[in-house]
Protein backbone atom coordinates (compact mmCIF):
# COMPACT_ATOMS: atom_id res chain seq x y z
CA MET A 1 11.88 13.57 -14.12
CA ASP A 2 11.26 10.43 -12.06
CA ILE A 3 13.67 7.51 -12.08
CA GLU A 4 11.37 5.20 -14.13
CA GLN A 5 11.03 7.69 -16.99
CA LYS A 6 14.75 8.43 -16.97
CA GLN A 7 15.55 4.71 -17.06
CA SER A 8 13.22 4.22 -20.02
CA GLU A 9 14.89 6.98 -22.01
CA LEU A 10 18.42 5.73 -21.23
CA ILE A 11 17.51 2.13 -22.09
CA GLU A 12 16.16 3.28 -25.45
CA GLN A 13 19.34 5.29 -26.06
CA PHE A 14 21.72 2.42 -25.32
CA VAL A 15 19.59 -0.16 -27.14
CA LYS A 16 19.93 1.95 -30.27
CA GLN A 17 23.66 2.40 -29.72
CA ALA A 18 24.27 -1.32 -29.23
CA SER A 19 21.96 -2.33 -32.07
CA SER A 20 23.75 -0.05 -34.54
CA ALA A 21 27.27 -1.11 -33.53
CA PRO A 22 29.03 -2.08 -36.77
CA ASN A 23 31.38 -4.65 -35.24
CA ALA A 24 32.27 -6.53 -32.06
CA PRO A 25 34.71 -3.91 -30.66
CA ALA A 26 32.13 -1.14 -31.14
CA LEU A 27 29.51 -3.31 -29.46
CA ALA A 28 31.84 -4.00 -26.52
CA SER A 29 32.46 -0.27 -26.20
CA ALA A 30 28.70 0.38 -26.15
CA LEU A 31 28.34 -2.12 -23.30
CA VAL A 32 31.05 -0.36 -21.32
CA ASP A 33 29.25 2.97 -21.88
CA ALA A 34 25.95 1.51 -20.69
CA THR A 35 27.36 -0.14 -17.57
CA SER A 36 29.26 2.97 -16.54
CA HIS A 37 26.47 5.49 -17.08
CA PRO A 38 25.61 7.02 -13.65
CA SER A 39 21.83 6.89 -14.14
CA LEU A 40 21.25 3.51 -15.82
CA PHE A 41 20.40 0.58 -13.53
CA ALA A 42 18.50 -1.83 -15.84
CA PHE A 43 20.15 -3.89 -18.57
CA SER A 44 17.77 -6.71 -19.57
CA GLU A 45 16.62 -4.94 -22.77
CA ILE A 46 20.23 -4.54 -23.89
CA LEU A 47 21.03 -8.11 -22.87
CA ALA A 48 18.16 -9.37 -25.07
CA LEU A 49 19.54 -7.81 -28.27
CA PRO A 50 20.16 -10.48 -30.95
CA ASN A 51 23.43 -8.96 -32.16
CA LEU A 52 25.06 -9.59 -28.77
CA GLN A 53 25.43 -13.21 -29.83
CA GLN A 54 28.24 -12.15 -32.17
CA LEU A 55 30.39 -11.68 -29.07
CA GLU A 56 30.13 -15.34 -28.06
CA GLY A 57 33.32 -17.29 -28.66
CA THR A 58 35.40 -14.19 -29.36
CA GLU A 59 37.89 -12.24 -27.32
CA ASN A 60 35.08 -9.78 -26.62
CA ALA A 61 32.85 -12.43 -25.01
CA VAL A 62 34.02 -11.17 -21.61
CA TYR A 63 32.01 -7.98 -22.23
CA LEU A 64 28.85 -10.04 -22.59
CA ASP A 65 29.64 -11.71 -19.27
CA MET A 66 30.25 -8.26 -17.83
CA LEU A 67 26.79 -7.13 -18.99
CA ARG A 68 25.21 -10.20 -17.36
CA LEU A 69 27.05 -9.30 -14.15
CA PHE A 70 25.58 -5.80 -14.17
CA ALA A 71 22.11 -7.17 -14.91
CA HIS A 72 22.06 -9.74 -12.12
CA GLY A 73 25.27 -9.79 -10.08
CA THR A 74 26.93 -7.98 -7.20
CA TRP A 75 30.32 -6.62 -6.23
CA SER A 76 31.11 -9.89 -4.46
CA ASP A 77 30.31 -11.81 -7.69
CA TYR A 78 32.76 -9.62 -9.57
CA LYS A 79 35.54 -10.20 -7.03
CA SER A 80 34.97 -13.95 -7.28
CA ASN A 81 35.23 -13.87 -11.09
CA ALA A 82 37.55 -10.90 -11.68
CA ASP A 83 40.10 -13.02 -13.55
CA ARG A 84 37.48 -13.92 -16.19
CA LEU A 85 36.02 -10.41 -16.59
CA PRO A 86 37.30 -7.09 -17.94
CA GLN A 87 38.88 -4.77 -15.42
CA LEU A 88 36.21 -2.29 -14.33
CA ILE A 89 36.70 1.45 -14.53
CA PRO A 90 35.83 3.55 -11.42
CA ASP A 91 32.34 4.45 -12.72
CA GLN A 92 31.57 0.76 -13.20
CA VAL A 93 32.82 -0.09 -9.72
CA LEU A 94 30.53 2.56 -8.26
CA LYS A 95 27.62 1.30 -10.35
CA LEU A 96 28.12 -2.31 -9.31
CA LYS A 97 28.23 -1.34 -5.64
CA GLN A 98 24.99 0.61 -6.06
CA LEU A 99 23.43 -2.46 -7.66
CA THR A 100 24.69 -4.55 -4.75
CA VAL A 101 22.77 -2.31 -2.34
CA LEU A 102 19.65 -2.77 -4.51
CA THR A 103 20.03 -6.54 -4.37
CA LEU A 104 20.30 -6.52 -0.59
CA ALA A 105 17.41 -4.05 -0.25
CA GLU A 106 15.19 -6.35 -2.34
CA THR A 107 15.77 -9.19 0.12
CA TYR A 108 15.99 -7.46 3.50
CA LYS A 109 14.23 -4.43 4.94
CA VAL A 110 16.89 -3.90 7.61
CA LEU A 111 20.51 -3.97 6.45
CA PRO A 112 23.15 -4.15 9.21
CA TYR A 113 26.12 -1.85 8.74
CA ASP A 114 28.53 -4.76 9.20
CA GLN A 115 26.93 -6.69 6.34
CA LEU A 116 26.97 -3.64 4.05
CA MET A 117 30.60 -2.83 4.82
CA GLN A 118 31.59 -6.40 4.03
CA GLU A 119 29.62 -6.53 0.76
CA LEU A 120 30.84 -3.12 -0.42
CA ASP A 121 34.45 -3.28 0.83
CA VAL A 122 33.91 -0.22 3.01
CA THR A 123 36.19 0.17 6.01
CA ASN A 124 34.24 2.49 8.33
CA VAL A 125 30.72 3.67 9.17
CA ARG A 126 31.27 7.25 7.98
CA GLU A 127 32.32 6.08 4.53
CA LEU A 128 29.35 3.69 4.39
CA GLU A 129 26.80 6.33 5.39
CA ASP A 130 28.25 8.81 2.89
CA PHE A 131 27.90 6.15 0.17
CA LEU A 132 24.30 5.34 1.10
CA ILE A 133 23.31 9.01 1.19
CA ASN A 134 25.25 10.44 -1.75
CA GLU A 135 25.34 7.50 -4.17
CA CYS A 136 22.11 5.66 -3.36
CA MET A 137 19.48 7.88 -1.78
CA TYR A 138 20.36 11.02 -3.75
CA ALA A 139 20.39 8.89 -6.92
CA GLY A 140 16.80 7.87 -6.13
CA ILE A 141 17.40 4.13 -6.21
CA VAL A 142 16.70 3.61 -2.50
CA ARG A 143 15.00 5.46 0.33
CA GLY A 144 15.42 4.68 3.98
CA LYS A 145 16.62 5.66 7.42
CA LEU A 146 20.15 5.49 8.77
CA ASP A 147 20.04 4.22 12.35
CA GLN A 148 23.41 4.96 13.92
CA LEU A 149 22.35 3.61 17.31
CA ARG A 150 21.38 0.19 15.93
CA ARG A 151 24.04 0.38 13.20
CA CYS A 152 21.69 -0.45 10.35
CA PHE A 153 19.94 0.96 7.29
CA GLU A 154 16.14 0.63 7.35
CA VAL A 155 14.88 0.26 3.77
CA GLN A 156 11.66 2.07 2.86
CA PHE A 157 11.92 1.82 -0.94
CA ALA A 158 14.24 0.15 -3.44
CA ALA A 159 14.14 0.28 -7.23
CA GLY A 160 13.82 -3.15 -8.80
CA ARG A 161 16.67 -4.86 -10.60
CA ASP A 162 16.50 -6.96 -13.76
CA LEU A 163 14.91 -10.37 -13.28
CA ARG A 164 17.48 -13.11 -12.88
CA PRO A 165 17.28 -16.31 -14.97
CA GLY A 166 14.55 -18.52 -13.48
CA GLN A 167 13.21 -15.70 -11.35
CA LEU A 168 10.25 -14.99 -13.65
CA GLY A 169 8.53 -18.28 -12.78
CA SER A 170 8.95 -17.59 -9.08
CA MET A 171 7.58 -14.08 -9.51
CA ILE A 172 4.57 -15.38 -11.47
CA GLN A 173 3.88 -17.88 -8.69
CA THR A 174 4.17 -15.15 -6.07
CA LEU A 175 1.76 -12.94 -8.01
CA SER A 176 -0.64 -15.86 -8.49
CA ASN A 177 -0.62 -16.53 -4.75
CA TRP A 178 -1.20 -12.82 -4.11
CA LEU A 179 -4.09 -12.80 -6.60
CA SER A 180 -5.67 -15.86 -4.98
CA THR A 181 -5.32 -14.31 -1.51
CA SER A 182 -6.81 -11.05 -2.79
CA GLU A 183 -9.78 -12.86 -4.36
CA ASN A 184 -10.44 -14.76 -1.12
CA LEU A 185 -10.19 -11.53 0.84
CA LEU A 186 -12.61 -9.85 -1.58
CA ILE A 187 -15.11 -12.69 -1.18
CA SER A 188 -14.82 -12.41 2.60
CA ILE A 189 -15.37 -8.64 2.45
CA GLN A 190 -18.41 -9.07 0.18
CA GLU A 191 -19.89 -11.63 2.57
CA LYS A 192 -19.37 -9.25 5.49
CA ILE A 193 -21.02 -6.45 3.49
CA LYS A 194 -24.02 -8.70 2.77
CA TRP A 195 -24.22 -9.64 6.46
CA ALA A 196 -24.02 -5.97 7.45
CA ASP A 197 -26.75 -5.09 4.93
CA ALA A 198 -28.95 -7.88 6.26
CA MET A 199 -28.40 -6.76 9.85
CA SER A 200 -29.18 -3.20 8.79
CA GLU A 201 -32.47 -4.32 7.26
CA ILE A 202 -33.32 -6.28 10.40
CA ASP A 203 -32.49 -3.25 12.51
CA LYS A 204 -34.64 -1.00 10.29
CA LYS A 205 -37.57 -3.44 10.53
CA HIS A 206 -37.14 -3.67 14.29
CA ARG A 207 -37.12 0.10 14.61
CA LYS A 208 -40.22 0.36 12.41
CA ASP A 209 -42.02 -2.23 14.54
CA VAL A 210 -41.06 -0.38 17.72
CA GLU A 211 -42.16 2.94 16.27
CA GLU A 212 -45.50 1.44 15.19
CA LYS A 213 -46.05 -0.02 18.65
CA VAL A 214 -45.18 3.33 20.24
CA GLU A 215 -47.72 5.02 17.97
CA GLU A 216 -50.35 2.43 18.92
CA VAL A 217 -49.64 3.01 22.61
CA LYS A 218 -49.85 6.77 22.10
CA LYS A 219 -53.20 6.41 20.31
CA SER A 220 -54.49 4.12 23.04
CA LEU A 221 -53.39 6.54 25.75
CA PHE A 222 -54.91 9.48 23.86
CA LYS A 223 -58.23 7.61 23.44
CA ALA A 224 -58.22 6.59 27.09
CA ASP A 225 -57.56 10.18 28.09
CA ILE A 226 -60.50 11.40 25.97
CA ASP A 227 -62.82 8.74 27.44
CA PHE A 228 -61.72 9.64 30.96
CA ARG A 229 -62.28 13.33 30.41
CA GLY A 230 -65.76 12.62 28.92
CA HIS A 231 -66.66 10.55 31.93
CA GLU A 232 -65.58 13.34 34.27
CA GLU A 233 -67.74 15.88 32.44
CA ILE A 234 -70.78 13.61 32.59
CA CYS A 235 -70.31 13.06 36.28
CA SER A 236 -69.89 16.77 36.89
CA GLU A 237 -73.11 17.61 35.06
CA SER A 238 -75.11 14.98 36.93
CA GLY A 239 -73.89 16.24 40.27
CA GLY A 240 -75.06 19.80 39.48
CA VAL A 241 -78.67 18.71 38.72
CA MET A 242 -78.92 16.72 41.89
CA ASP A 243 -77.76 19.64 43.98
CA TYR A 244 -80.32 21.88 42.37
CA GLU A 245 -83.17 19.42 42.98
CA GLU A 246 -82.16 18.93 46.59
CA ASP A 247 -82.10 22.66 47.09
CA ARG A 248 -85.69 22.99 45.77
CA SER A 249 -87.04 20.19 47.95
CA ARG A 250 -85.86 21.71 51.22
CA PRO A 251 -88.54 23.68 53.22
CA LYS A 252 -87.95 27.37 53.29
CA ARG A 253 -87.76 29.13 56.64
CA ARG A 254 -90.29 31.78 57.43
CA ARG A 255 -89.10 35.02 58.76
CA HIS A 256 -90.97 36.31 61.82
CA PRO A 257 -91.85 39.96 61.92
CA ILE A 258 -89.92 42.10 64.36
CA SER A 259 -92.21 43.43 67.05
């Protein structure tokens, strides 16, 4: 099962769990379950549930802030706001660090080890590489190459995170610019195809004209050859008659008898 299908099934599962929560404590518990699940990395559908508003202004409001953190934040964001958020269990800490890698991989295609160690609170390269391999690449959320010589992680693929507030407009603008560029490129390609077709037709016409001229020259040469051969035959026949007439007009020698 690919990661997109698995995400879809898990989102549906936790949306149902959160929607059917009978009270605020049960809803908070459902949010903890969702944010600690090892295979769930998208939370916008849960965050959009209307019944989450019942947490606002209550002692459980911190769980709503926690969900927003997992939807859009990073490990550094948690450390900066830890006094206003619930204490995370180990599975949530791991999940938030995985999400932090996704955030960085969305922005940069080459992630220096030093930057990753700082963002993830990792103390050495071995621990960092083990985390990237076992918790990120094996989980299917990123693919890339570990470059020990350059001390960096080269990102080849990264699963997308939930859109942050205000990010949708920027994404729409980016897609609009891409669409405009694609349309201009398509027009340019079509014009080049038309030009190539026109040049092909010109080339075909030129070849046809050359072939016709070659045929005309061949016919002319063939006709000239026939005329030349006819002239040679006529000359040959005339020469034979003249030789015969000359031979008849010469006086014949008389043979004297032998005494």
